[in-house]
Every structure is written in C-alpha cells, then in structure tokens.
PDB file of all heavy atoms in Angstrom:
ATOM      1  N   GLY A   1       0.772  -1.225   0.000  1.00  0.00           N
ATOM      2  CA  GLY A   1       0.000   0.000   0.000  1.00  0.00           C
ATOM      3  C   GLY A   1       0.806   1.278   0.000  1.00  0.00           C
ATOM      4  O   GLY A   1       0.226   2.361   0.123  1.00  0.00           O
ATOM      5  N   LYS A   2       2.127   1.192  -0.147  1.00  0.00           N
ATOM      6  CA  LYS A   2       2.971   2.376  -0.114  1.00  0.00           C
ATOM      7  C   LYS A   2       3.820   2.477  -1.380  1.00  0.00           C
ATOM      8  O   LYS A   2       4.004   1.505  -2.102  1.00  0.00           O
ATOM      9  CB  LYS A   2       3.883   2.359   1.115  1.00  0.00           C
ATOM     10  CG  LYS A   2       3.153   2.325   2.439  1.00  0.00           C
ATOM     11  CD  LYS A   2       4.104   2.434   3.611  1.00  0.00           C
ATOM     12  CE  LYS A   2       4.742   3.805   3.686  1.00  0.00           C
ATOM     13  NZ  LYS A   2       5.598   3.955   4.894  1.00  0.00           N
ATOM     14  N   GLU A   3       4.325   3.680  -1.635  1.00  0.00           N
ATOM     15  CA  GLU A   3       5.223   3.905  -2.759  1.00  0.00           C
ATOM     16  C   GLU A   3       6.601   3.329  -2.452  1.00  0.00           C
ATOM     17  O   GLU A   3       6.983   3.164  -1.293  1.00  0.00           O
ATOM     18  CB  GLU A   3       5.336   5.396  -3.058  1.00  0.00           C
ATOM     19  CG  GLU A   3       4.038   6.068  -3.466  1.00  0.00           C
ATOM     20  CD  GLU A   3       3.543   5.588  -4.803  1.00  0.00           C
ATOM     21  OE1 GLU A   3       4.375   5.341  -5.702  1.00  0.00           O
ATOM     22  OE2 GLU A   3       2.318   5.451  -4.959  1.00  0.00           O
ATOM     23  N   ARG A   4       7.337   3.043  -3.503  1.00  0.00           N
ATOM     24  CA  ARG A   4       8.709   2.579  -3.328  1.00  0.00           C
ATOM     25  C   ARG A   4       9.547   3.709  -2.742  1.00  0.00           C
ATOM     26  O   ARG A   4       9.451   4.862  -3.161  1.00  0.00           O
ATOM     27  CB  ARG A   4       9.278   2.122  -4.671  1.00  0.00           C
ATOM     28  CG  ARG A   4      10.641   1.471  -4.574  1.00  0.00           C
ATOM     29  CD  ARG A   4      10.902   0.563  -5.753  1.00  0.00           C
ATOM     30  NE  ARG A   4      10.748   1.237  -7.029  1.00  0.00           N
ATOM     31  CZ  ARG A   4      10.788   0.624  -8.197  1.00  0.00           C
ATOM     32  NH1 ARG A   4      10.960  -0.689  -8.260  1.00  0.00           N
ATOM     33  NH2 ARG A   4      10.633   1.321  -9.311  1.00  0.00           N
ATOM     34  N   GLU A   5      10.376   3.391  -1.753  1.00  0.00           N
ATOM     35  CA  GLU A   5      11.161   4.405  -1.082  1.00  0.00           C
ATOM     36  C   GLU A   5      12.638   4.040  -1.029  1.00  0.00           C
ATOM     37  O   GLU A   5      13.012   2.868  -1.023  1.00  0.00           O
ATOM     38  CB  GLU A   5      10.637   4.661   0.341  1.00  0.00           C
ATOM     39  CG  GLU A   5      10.819   3.506   1.302  1.00  0.00           C
ATOM     40  CD  GLU A   5      10.410   3.846   2.727  1.00  0.00           C
ATOM     41  OE1 GLU A   5      10.210   5.042   3.031  1.00  0.00           O
ATOM     42  OE2 GLU A   5      10.289   2.913   3.545  1.00  0.00           O
ATOM     43  N   PHE A   6      13.455   5.064  -0.961  1.00  0.00           N
ATOM     44  CA  PHE A   6      14.899   4.919  -0.894  1.00  0.00           C
ATOM     45  C   PHE A   6      15.328   4.406   0.473  1.00  0.00           C
ATOM     46  O   PHE A   6      14.821   4.847   1.508  1.00  0.00           O
ATOM     47  CB  PHE A   6      15.550   6.279  -1.177  1.00  0.00           C
ATOM     48  CG  PHE A   6      17.026   6.326  -0.932  1.00  0.00           C
ATOM     49  CD1 PHE A   6      17.912   5.785  -1.848  1.00  0.00           C
ATOM     50  CD2 PHE A   6      17.531   6.927   0.207  1.00  0.00           C
ATOM     51  CE1 PHE A   6      19.278   5.836  -1.630  1.00  0.00           C
ATOM     52  CE2 PHE A   6      18.892   6.986   0.435  1.00  0.00           C
ATOM     53  CZ  PHE A   6      19.768   6.437  -0.491  1.00  0.00           C
ATOM     54  N   VAL A   7      16.289   3.477   0.482  1.00  0.00           N
ATOM     55  CA  VAL A   7      16.831   2.935   1.723  1.00  0.00           C
ATOM     56  C   VAL A   7      18.268   3.388   1.948  1.00  0.00           C
ATOM     57  O   VAL A   7      18.601   3.949   2.995  1.00  0.00           O
ATOM     58  CB  VAL A   7      16.755   1.393   1.742  1.00  0.00           C
ATOM     59  CG1 VAL A   7      17.413   0.840   3.001  1.00  0.00           C
ATOM     60  CG2 VAL A   7      15.309   0.929   1.646  1.00  0.00           C
ATOM     61  N   ALA A   8      19.136   3.145   0.967  1.00  0.00           N
ATOM     62  CA  ALA A   8      20.550   3.486   1.103  1.00  0.00           C
ATOM     63  C   ALA A   8      21.215   3.383  -0.255  1.00  0.00           C
ATOM     64  O   ALA A   8      20.683   2.770  -1.181  1.00  0.00           O
ATOM     65  CB  ALA A   8      21.246   2.565   2.110  1.00  0.00           C
ATOM     66  N   VAL A   9      22.407   3.976  -0.377  1.00  0.00           N
ATOM     67  CA  VAL A   9      23.165   3.906  -1.619  1.00  0.00           C
ATOM     68  C   VAL A   9      24.652   3.862  -1.308  1.00  0.00           C
ATOM     69  O   VAL A   9      25.103   4.415  -0.293  1.00  0.00           O
ATOM     70  CB  VAL A   9      22.834   5.109  -2.548  1.00  0.00           C
ATOM     71  CG1 VAL A   9      23.246   6.431  -1.913  1.00  0.00           C
ATOM     72  CG2 VAL A   9      23.460   4.931  -3.919  1.00  0.00           C
ATOM     73  N   ILE A  10      25.410   3.194  -2.173  1.00  0.00           N
ATOM     74  CA  ILE A  10      26.861   3.148  -2.048  1.00  0.00           C
ATOM     75  C   ILE A  10      27.473   3.618  -3.362  1.00  0.00           C
ATOM     76  O   ILE A  10      27.033   3.221  -4.443  1.00  0.00           O
ATOM     77  CB  ILE A  10      27.348   1.733  -1.647  1.00  0.00           C
ATOM     78  CG1 ILE A  10      28.853   1.734  -1.377  1.00  0.00           C
ATOM     79  CG2 ILE A  10      26.964   0.692  -2.694  1.00  0.00           C
ATOM     80  CD1 ILE A  10      29.335   0.462  -0.686  1.00  0.00           C
ATOM     81  N   SER A  11      28.478   4.477  -3.274  1.00  0.00           N
ATOM     82  CA  SER A  11      29.130   5.030  -4.452  1.00  0.00           C
ATOM     83  C   SER A  11      30.081   4.007  -5.054  1.00  0.00           C
ATOM     84  O   SER A  11      30.397   2.987  -4.434  1.00  0.00           O
ATOM     85  CB  SER A  11      29.900   6.299  -4.077  1.00  0.00           C
ATOM     86  OG  SER A  11      31.067   5.978  -3.344  1.00  0.00           O
ATOM     87  N   PRO A  12      30.572   4.256  -6.278  1.00  0.00           N
ATOM     88  CA  PRO A  12      31.553   3.330  -6.871  1.00  0.00           C
ATOM     89  C   PRO A  12      32.787   3.115  -6.006  1.00  0.00           C
ATOM     90  O   PRO A  12      33.369   2.021  -6.030  1.00  0.00           O
ATOM     91  CB  PRO A  12      31.907   4.001  -8.192  1.00  0.00           C
ATOM     92  CG  PRO A  12      30.679   4.767  -8.556  1.00  0.00           C
ATOM     93  CD  PRO A  12      30.152   5.286  -7.239  1.00  0.00           C
ATOM     94  N   SER A  13      33.184   4.133  -5.240  1.00  0.00           N
ATOM     95  CA  SER A  13      34.372   4.032  -4.403  1.00  0.00           C
ATOM     96  C   SER A  13      34.091   3.515  -3.000  1.00  0.00           C
ATOM     97  O   SER A  13      35.017   3.359  -2.207  1.00  0.00           O
ATOM     98  CB  SER A  13      35.075   5.385  -4.315  1.00  0.00           C
ATOM     99  OG  SER A  13      34.231   6.355  -3.730  1.00  0.00           O
ATOM    100  N   GLY A  14      32.817   3.273  -2.671  1.00  0.00           N
ATOM    101  CA  GLY A  14      32.475   2.698  -1.387  1.00  0.00           C
ATOM    102  C   GLY A  14      31.880   3.647  -0.368  1.00  0.00           C
ATOM    103  O   GLY A  14      31.628   3.237   0.773  1.00  0.00           O
ATOM    104  N   GLY A  15      31.658   4.907  -0.730  1.00  0.00           N
ATOM    105  CA  GLY A  15      31.007   5.827   0.178  1.00  0.00           C
ATOM    106  C   GLY A  15      29.538   5.473   0.357  1.00  0.00           C
ATOM    107  O   GLY A  15      28.850   5.154  -0.608  1.00  0.00           O
ATOM    108  N   VAL A  16      29.053   5.524   1.589  1.00  0.00           N
ATOM    109  CA  VAL A  16      27.697   5.086   1.913  1.00  0.00           C
ATOM    110  C   VAL A  16      26.855   6.249   2.418  1.00  0.00           C
ATOM    111  O   VAL A  16      27.302   7.049   3.245  1.00  0.00           O
ATOM    112  CB  VAL A  16      27.714   3.966   2.976  1.00  0.00           C
ATOM    113  CG1 VAL A  16      26.296   3.613   3.406  1.00  0.00           C
ATOM    114  CG2 VAL A  16      28.424   2.739   2.442  1.00  0.00           C
ATOM    115  N   TYR A  17      25.625   6.336   1.917  1.00  0.00           N
ATOM    116  CA  TYR A  17      24.628   7.230   2.467  1.00  0.00           C
ATOM    117  C   TYR A  17      23.422   6.398   2.860  1.00  0.00           C
ATOM    118  O   TYR A  17      22.810   5.748   2.013  1.00  0.00           O
ATOM    119  CB  TYR A  17      24.211   8.313   1.472  1.00  0.00           C
ATOM    120  CG  TYR A  17      23.044   9.143   1.963  1.00  0.00           C
ATOM    121  CD1 TYR A  17      23.149   9.902   3.122  1.00  0.00           C
ATOM    122  CD2 TYR A  17      21.830   9.153   1.287  1.00  0.00           C
ATOM    123  CE1 TYR A  17      22.084  10.646   3.593  1.00  0.00           C
ATOM    124  CE2 TYR A  17      20.756   9.894   1.748  1.00  0.00           C
ATOM    125  CZ  TYR A  17      20.887  10.647   2.900  1.00  0.00           C
ATOM    126  OH  TYR A  17      19.828  11.390   3.361  1.00  0.00           O
ATOM    127  N   SER A  18      23.096   6.423   4.153  1.00  0.00           N
ATOM    128  CA  SER A  18      21.964   5.676   4.675  1.00  0.00           C
ATOM    129  C   SER A  18      21.268   6.517   5.733  1.00  0.00           C
ATOM    130  O   SER A  18      21.821   6.717   6.818  1.00  0.00           O
ATOM    131  CB  SER A  18      22.427   4.349   5.279  1.00  0.00           C
ATOM    132  OG  SER A  18      21.338   3.638   5.839  1.00  0.00           O
ATOM    133  N   PRO A  19      20.072   7.025   5.447  1.00  0.00           N
ATOM    134  CA  PRO A  19      19.375   7.859   6.438  1.00  0.00           C
ATOM    135  C   PRO A  19      19.079   7.139   7.749  1.00  0.00           C
ATOM    136  O   PRO A  19      19.040   7.785   8.796  1.00  0.00           O
ATOM    137  CB  PRO A  19      18.074   8.235   5.718  1.00  0.00           C
ATOM    138  CG  PRO A  19      18.403   8.130   4.259  1.00  0.00           C
ATOM    139  CD  PRO A  19      19.351   6.976   4.166  1.00  0.00           C
ATOM    140  N   ASP A  20      18.882   5.844   7.707  1.00  0.00           N
ATOM    141  CA  ASP A  20      18.591   5.045   8.890  1.00  0.00           C
ATOM    142  C   ASP A  20      19.843   4.287   9.298  1.00  0.00           C
ATOM    143  O   ASP A  20      20.350   3.462   8.530  1.00  0.00           O
ATOM    144  CB  ASP A  20      17.444   4.081   8.601  1.00  0.00           C
ATOM    145  CG  ASP A  20      16.874   3.437   9.851  1.00  0.00           C
ATOM    146  OD1 ASP A  20      17.632   3.205  10.813  1.00  0.00           O
ATOM    147  OD2 ASP A  20      15.660   3.153   9.873  1.00  0.00           O
ATOM    148  N   SER A  21      20.344   4.544  10.510  1.00  0.00           N
ATOM    149  CA  SER A  21      21.593   3.947  10.962  1.00  0.00           C
ATOM    150  C   SER A  21      21.513   2.442  11.169  1.00  0.00           C
ATOM    151  O   SER A  21      22.551   1.790  11.324  1.00  0.00           O
ATOM    152  CB  SER A  21      22.066   4.619  12.256  1.00  0.00           C
ATOM    153  OG  SER A  21      21.139   4.413  13.308  1.00  0.00           O
ATOM    154  N   ARG A  22      20.321   1.881  11.175  1.00  0.00           N
ATOM    155  CA  ARG A  22      20.176   0.427  11.286  1.00  0.00           C
ATOM    156  C   ARG A  22      20.581  -0.294  10.004  1.00  0.00           C
ATOM    157  O   ARG A  22      20.758  -1.509  10.013  1.00  0.00           O
ATOM    158  CB  ARG A  22      18.735   0.051  11.629  1.00  0.00           C
ATOM    159  CG  ARG A  22      18.252   0.599  12.966  1.00  0.00           C
ATOM    160  CD  ARG A  22      16.778   0.227  13.200  1.00  0.00           C
ATOM    161  NE  ARG A  22      15.932   0.778  12.159  1.00  0.00           N
ATOM    162  CZ  ARG A  22      15.034   0.075  11.477  1.00  0.00           C
ATOM    163  NH1 ARG A  22      14.859  -1.214  11.733  1.00  0.00           N
ATOM    164  NH2 ARG A  22      14.301   0.670  10.547  1.00  0.00           N
ATOM    165  N   PHE A  23      20.708   0.454   8.922  1.00  0.00           N
ATOM    166  CA  PHE A  23      21.007  -0.126   7.615  1.00  0.00           C
ATOM    167  C   PHE A  23      22.340   0.389   7.101  1.00  0.00           C
ATOM    168  O   PHE A  23      22.638   1.582   7.214  1.00  0.00           O
ATOM    169  CB  PHE A  23      19.914   0.226   6.603  1.00  0.00           C
ATOM    170  CG  PHE A  23      18.542  -0.223   6.998  1.00  0.00           C
ATOM    171  CD1 PHE A  23      17.684   0.637   7.656  1.00  0.00           C
ATOM    172  CD2 PHE A  23      18.108  -1.499   6.718  1.00  0.00           C
ATOM    173  CE1 PHE A  23      16.405   0.229   8.024  1.00  0.00           C
ATOM    174  CE2 PHE A  23      16.841  -1.925   7.073  1.00  0.00           C
ATOM    175  CZ  PHE A  23      15.986  -1.060   7.727  1.00  0.00           C
ATOM    176  N   THR A  24      23.135  -0.495   6.533  1.00  0.00           N
ATOM    177  CA  THR A  24      24.365  -0.080   5.887  1.00  0.00           C
ATOM    178  C   THR A  24      24.619  -0.940   4.657  1.00  0.00           C
ATOM    179  O   THR A  24      24.122  -2.062   4.550  1.00  0.00           O
ATOM    180  CB  THR A  24      25.560  -0.141   6.851  1.00  0.00           C
ATOM    181  OG1 THR A  24      26.682   0.535   6.269  1.00  0.00           O
ATOM    182  CG2 THR A  24      25.954  -1.584   7.143  1.00  0.00           C
ATOM    183  N   VAL A  25      25.394  -0.404   3.728  1.00  0.00           N
ATOM    184  CA  VAL A  25      25.669  -1.056   2.458  1.00  0.00           C
ATOM    185  C   VAL A  25      27.169  -1.293   2.330  1.00  0.00           C
ATOM    186  O   VAL A  25      27.976  -0.474   2.772  1.00  0.00           O
ATOM    187  CB  VAL A  25      25.178  -0.209   1.269  1.00  0.00           C
ATOM    188  CG1 VAL A  25      25.243  -1.011  -0.029  1.00  0.00           C
ATOM    189  CG2 VAL A  25      23.760   0.291   1.508  1.00  0.00           C
ATOM    190  N   SER A  26      27.519  -2.411   1.721  1.00  0.00           N
ATOM    191  CA  SER A  26      28.907  -2.696   1.391  1.00  0.00           C
ATOM    192  C   SER A  26      28.965  -3.271  -0.018  1.00  0.00           C
ATOM    193  O   SER A  26      27.960  -3.754  -0.541  1.00  0.00           O
ATOM    194  CB  SER A  26      29.528  -3.662   2.403  1.00  0.00           C
ATOM    195  OG  SER A  26      28.832  -4.898   2.424  1.00  0.00           O
ATOM    196  N   ARG A  27      30.131  -3.197  -0.638  1.00  0.00           N
ATOM    197  CA  ARG A  27      30.273  -3.751  -1.978  1.00  0.00           C
ATOM    198  C   ARG A  27      31.633  -4.397  -2.150  1.00  0.00           C
ATOM    199  O   ARG A  27      32.614  -4.020  -1.510  1.00  0.00           O
ATOM    200  CB  ARG A  27      30.047  -2.674  -3.049  1.00  0.00           C
ATOM    201  CG  ARG A  27      31.136  -1.612  -3.142  1.00  0.00           C
ATOM    202  CD  ARG A  27      30.701  -0.467  -4.056  1.00  0.00           C
ATOM    203  NE  ARG A  27      30.501  -0.914  -5.427  1.00  0.00           N
ATOM    204  CZ  ARG A  27      29.783  -0.253  -6.342  1.00  0.00           C
ATOM    205  NH1 ARG A  27      29.167   0.885  -6.004  1.00  0.00           N
ATOM    206  NH2 ARG A  27      29.665  -0.723  -7.570  1.00  0.00           N
ATOM    207  N   ASP A  28      31.663  -5.380  -3.024  1.00  0.00           N
ATOM    208  CA  ASP A  28      32.886  -6.052  -3.410  1.00  0.00           C
ATOM    209  C   ASP A  28      32.958  -5.956  -4.924  1.00  0.00           C
ATOM    210  O   ASP A  28      32.308  -6.721  -5.640  1.00  0.00           O
ATOM    211  CB  ASP A  28      32.889  -7.507  -2.938  1.00  0.00           C
ATOM    212  CG  ASP A  28      34.215  -8.199  -3.167  1.00  0.00           C
ATOM    213  OD1 ASP A  28      34.932  -7.839  -4.120  1.00  0.00           O
ATOM    214  OD2 ASP A  28      34.541  -9.117  -2.399  1.00  0.00           O
ATOM    215  N   ASN A  29      33.719  -5.006  -5.421  1.00  0.00           N
ATOM    216  CA  ASN A  29      33.767  -4.768  -6.862  1.00  0.00           C
ATOM    217  C   ASN A  29      34.403  -5.929  -7.623  1.00  0.00           C
ATOM    218  O   ASN A  29      34.061  -6.181  -8.777  1.00  0.00           O
ATOM    219  CB  ASN A  29      34.516  -3.471  -7.157  1.00  0.00           C
ATOM    220  CG  ASN A  29      33.705  -2.245  -6.797  1.00  0.00           C
ATOM    221  OD1 ASN A  29      32.482  -2.303  -6.685  1.00  0.00           O
ATOM    222  ND2 ASN A  29      34.383  -1.124  -6.601  1.00  0.00           N
ATOM    223  N   ALA A  30      35.324  -6.629  -6.983  1.00  0.00           N
ATOM    224  CA  ALA A  30      35.953  -7.776  -7.631  1.00  0.00           C
ATOM    225  C   ALA A  30      34.950  -8.901  -7.855  1.00  0.00           C
ATOM    226  O   ALA A  30      35.023  -9.614  -8.862  1.00  0.00           O
ATOM    227  CB  ALA A  30      37.137  -8.273  -6.812  1.00  0.00           C
ATOM    228  N   LYS A  31      34.016  -9.079  -6.927  1.00  0.00           N
ATOM    229  CA  LYS A  31      33.009 -10.131  -7.026  1.00  0.00           C
ATOM    230  C   LYS A  31      31.708  -9.652  -7.640  1.00  0.00           C
ATOM    231  O   LYS A  31      30.797 -10.459  -7.840  1.00  0.00           O
ATOM    232  CB  LYS A  31      32.742 -10.729  -5.650  1.00  0.00           C
ATOM    233  CG  LYS A  31      33.928 -11.443  -5.038  1.00  0.00           C
ATOM    234  CD  LYS A  31      33.563 -12.046  -3.690  1.00  0.00           C
ATOM    235  CE  LYS A  31      34.732 -12.797  -3.093  1.00  0.00           C
ATOM    236  NZ  LYS A  31      34.392 -13.385  -1.769  1.00  0.00           N
ATOM    237  N   HIS A  32      31.598  -8.355  -7.933  1.00  0.00           N
ATOM    238  CA  HIS A  32      30.378  -7.765  -8.499  1.00  0.00           C
ATOM    239  C   HIS A  32      29.172  -7.997  -7.594  1.00  0.00           C
ATOM    240  O   HIS A  32      28.096  -8.393  -8.057  1.00  0.00           O
ATOM    241  CB  HIS A  32      30.101  -8.326  -9.894  1.00  0.00           C
ATOM    242  CG  HIS A  32      31.124  -7.957 -10.916  1.00  0.00           C
ATOM    243  ND1 HIS A  32      30.991  -8.315 -12.248  1.00  0.00           N
ATOM    244  CD2 HIS A  32      32.283  -7.283 -10.827  1.00  0.00           C
ATOM    245  CE1 HIS A  32      32.030  -7.869 -12.918  1.00  0.00           C
ATOM    246  NE2 HIS A  32      32.835  -7.241 -12.075  1.00  0.00           N
ATOM    247  N   THR A  33      29.348  -7.743  -6.315  1.00  0.00           N
ATOM    248  CA  THR A  33      28.258  -7.912  -5.365  1.00  0.00           C
ATOM    249  C   THR A  33      28.105  -6.685  -4.474  1.00  0.00           C
ATOM    250  O   THR A  33      29.068  -5.952  -4.227  1.00  0.00           O
ATOM    251  CB  THR A  33      28.454  -9.143  -4.469  1.00  0.00           C
ATOM    252  OG1 THR A  33      29.682  -9.026  -3.745  1.00  0.00           O
ATOM    253  CG2 THR A  33      28.455 -10.415  -5.290  1.00  0.00           C
ATOM    254  N   VAL A  34      26.896  -6.476  -3.996  1.00  0.00           N
ATOM    255  CA  VAL A  34      26.606  -5.429  -3.029  1.00  0.00           C
ATOM    256  C   VAL A  34      25.637  -6.003  -2.000  1.00  0.00           C
ATOM    257  O   VAL A  34      24.709  -6.732  -2.356  1.00  0.00           O
ATOM    258  CB  VAL A  34      26.033  -4.163  -3.708  1.00  0.00           C
ATOM    259  CG1 VAL A  34      24.750  -4.483  -4.474  1.00  0.00           C
ATOM    260  CG2 VAL A  34      25.792  -3.064  -2.687  1.00  0.00           C
ATOM    261  N   ASP A  35      25.871  -5.691  -0.728  1.00  0.00           N
ATOM    262  CA  ASP A  35      25.061  -6.226   0.357  1.00  0.00           C
ATOM    263  C   ASP A  35      24.371  -5.107   1.121  1.00  0.00           C
ATOM    264  O   ASP A  35      24.877  -3.987   1.213  1.00  0.00           O
ATOM    265  CB  ASP A  35      25.916  -7.018   1.342  1.00  0.00           C
ATOM    266  CG  ASP A  35      26.438  -8.323   0.776  1.00  0.00           C
ATOM    267  OD1 ASP A  35      26.048  -8.692  -0.347  1.00  0.00           O
ATOM    268  OD2 ASP A  35      27.240  -8.976   1.471  1.00  0.00           O
ATOM    269  N   LEU A  36      23.214  -5.422   1.662  1.00  0.00           N
ATOM    270  CA  LEU A  36      22.506  -4.535   2.579  1.00  0.00           C
ATOM    271  C   LEU A  36      22.396  -5.245   3.919  1.00  0.00           C
ATOM    272  O   LEU A  36      21.722  -6.271   4.020  1.00  0.00           O
ATOM    273  CB  LEU A  36      21.117  -4.188   2.046  1.00  0.00           C
ATOM    274  CG  LEU A  36      20.244  -3.328   2.968  1.00  0.00           C
ATOM    275  CD1 LEU A  36      20.827  -1.924   3.106  1.00  0.00           C
ATOM    276  CD2 LEU A  36      18.810  -3.261   2.453  1.00  0.00           C
ATOM    277  N   GLN A  37      23.070  -4.708   4.932  1.00  0.00           N
ATOM    278  CA  GLN A  37      22.999  -5.254   6.280  1.00  0.00           C
ATOM    279  C   GLN A  37      21.910  -4.520   7.046  1.00  0.00           C
ATOM    280  O   GLN A  37      21.947  -3.298   7.174  1.00  0.00           O
ATOM    281  CB  GLN A  37      24.338  -5.105   6.998  1.00  0.00           C
ATOM    282  CG  GLN A  37      24.351  -5.619   8.432  1.00  0.00           C
ATOM    283  CD  GLN A  37      24.168  -7.120   8.525  1.00  0.00           C
ATOM    284  OE1 GLN A  37      24.794  -7.866   7.784  1.00  0.00           O
ATOM    285  NE2 GLN A  37      23.300  -7.565   9.430  1.00  0.00           N
ATOM    286  N   MET A  38      20.948  -5.265   7.561  1.00  0.00           N
ATOM    287  CA  MET A  38      19.813  -4.698   8.278  1.00  0.00           C
ATOM    288  C   MET A  38      19.818  -5.231   9.701  1.00  0.00           C
ATOM    289  O   MET A  38      19.751  -6.442   9.917  1.00  0.00           O
ATOM    290  CB  MET A  38      18.500  -5.046   7.582  1.00  0.00           C
ATOM    291  CG  MET A  38      18.451  -4.635   6.116  1.00  0.00           C
ATOM    292  SD  MET A  38      16.828  -4.930   5.370  1.00  0.00           S
ATOM    293  CE  MET A  38      16.795  -6.728   5.411  1.00  0.00           C
ATOM    294  N   ASN A  39      19.878  -4.330  10.671  1.00  0.00           N
ATOM    295  CA  ASN A  39      19.921  -4.695  12.080  1.00  0.00           C
ATOM    296  C   ASN A  39      18.722  -4.115  12.821  1.00  0.00           C
ATOM    297  O   ASN A  39      18.122  -3.132  12.394  1.00  0.00           O
ATOM    298  CB  ASN A  39      21.211  -4.185  12.722  1.00  0.00           C
ATOM    299  CG  ASN A  39      22.453  -4.775  12.102  1.00  0.00           C
ATOM    300  OD1 ASN A  39      22.488  -5.952  11.750  1.00  0.00           O
ATOM    301  ND2 ASN A  39      23.500  -3.964  11.978  1.00  0.00           N
TER     302      ASN A  39
END
C-alpha cells in the first residue's frame, strides 16, 4: 500500500549514504556484489 522508497546507496568508491543507521551497504567490486545489512 505504499510507494517505493529509498533505503541506502553506495558510491563506486564505497562511500555510503543511509538515512537510517540500522542499515548499511557494502560492496565487493571484484566479485560484483553489493550487500545490505539490516539490524
């Protein structure tokens, strides 16, 4: 029942912006993966 909303983003170099501190993003460019850790 809600619109899609932004959670977090990670830059190509690994900088993270996450409005909610419970969530963080990481990436492994060699493996072509990105993770969202939710606590």
